Protein backbone atom coordinates (compact mmCIF):
# COMPACT_ATOMS: atom_id res chain seq x y z
CA MET A 1 129.77 125.34 101.77
CA SER A 2 127.31 124.25 104.23
CA LEU A 3 124.22 126.04 105.02
CA LEU A 4 122.01 125.40 107.85
CA VAL A 5 118.04 125.91 107.74
CA GLU A 6 115.52 125.97 110.33
CA SER A 7 112.55 126.46 108.24
CA GLY A 8 108.76 125.65 108.19
CA GLY A 9 107.14 123.31 105.73
CA ALA A 10 107.04 125.57 102.76
CA LEU A 11 110.46 126.59 102.63
CA ALA A 12 111.57 122.96 103.60
CA ALA A 13 109.81 121.54 100.42
CA ALA A 14 110.95 123.91 98.13
CA LEU A 15 114.43 122.96 99.00
CA LEU A 16 113.69 119.41 99.35
CA GLU A 17 112.02 119.68 95.80
CA GLN A 18 115.22 121.47 94.04
CA ARG A 19 117.43 118.68 95.61
CA LEU A 20 119.28 121.11 97.62
CA VAL A 21 119.12 119.40 100.99
CA ASP A 22 121.59 116.69 101.83
CA ARG A 23 121.12 115.93 105.58
CA ALA A 24 118.22 116.57 107.47
CA ALA A 25 117.37 116.71 111.39
CA PHE A 26 114.00 115.86 113.16
CA PHE A 27 113.34 116.48 116.63
CA ILE A 28 110.49 114.76 118.09
CA ALA A 29 108.97 115.94 121.54
CA PRO A 30 107.24 113.54 123.97
CA LYS A 31 104.08 115.52 123.73
CA ILE A 32 100.29 114.77 122.27
CA ILE A 33 98.43 117.60 120.78
CA GLY A 34 95.18 117.95 118.26
CA GLY A 35 95.19 118.61 114.89
CA ALA A 36 96.73 117.66 111.85
CA ARG A 37 100.41 118.16 111.62
CA CYS A 38 102.79 117.62 108.75
CA ALA A 39 106.58 118.56 108.41
CA ILE A 40 105.84 118.87 104.74
CA PRO A 41 102.30 120.12 104.49
CA ALA A 42 100.79 119.61 100.86
CA ARG A 43 103.94 119.24 98.64
CA GLY A 44 106.32 116.45 97.94
CA PRO A 45 105.83 112.98 97.00
CA GLN A 46 102.39 112.02 97.11
CA LYS A 47 102.85 107.89 97.61
CA MET A 48 105.13 106.17 99.94
CA ALA A 49 106.94 104.65 97.28
CA ASP A 50 108.05 107.78 95.81
CA ALA A 51 108.89 108.94 99.18
CA TRP A 52 111.97 110.59 100.24
CA ARG A 53 113.95 108.72 102.68
CA LEU A 54 116.56 108.76 105.10
CA GLY A 55 119.71 107.22 104.95
CA GLN A 56 122.93 106.70 107.45
CA VAL A 57 120.14 107.45 110.38
CA SER A 58 121.30 108.51 113.95
CA PHE A 59 118.94 108.74 116.70
CA ARG A 60 120.11 110.48 119.93
CA PRO A 61 118.23 112.09 122.74
CA SER A 62 118.80 115.81 123.40
CA ASN A 63 117.13 117.78 126.48
CA GLY A 64 113.91 115.15 126.72
CA ASP A 65 113.35 115.42 122.69
CA MET A 66 114.53 112.91 120.17
CA ILE A 67 116.90 113.91 117.22
CA ILE A 68 116.39 111.47 114.01
CA GLU A 69 119.16 112.69 111.52
CA GLY A 70 120.09 111.73 108.08
CA THR A 71 121.42 111.77 104.51
CA ILE A 72 118.43 112.44 102.56
CA GLU A 73 117.86 109.79 99.33
CA TYR A 74 115.66 110.99 96.73
CA ARG A 75 113.54 108.88 94.44
């Protein structure tokens, strides 16, 4: 069974904390904006040693953006 979720930070964090995410894709745009931005605001591991990592990582361009995709490796 598969489910694709395009979410904001709060839902993404809740799914990750419950270990319900197998793969993640991040779209990076070549743009610079002001203000602090974070994919998972104020939730998830707080130390780099405890960070969730991406395994089997792939990089590919998409309409001027970059997609980084991989499997979630929980600590």
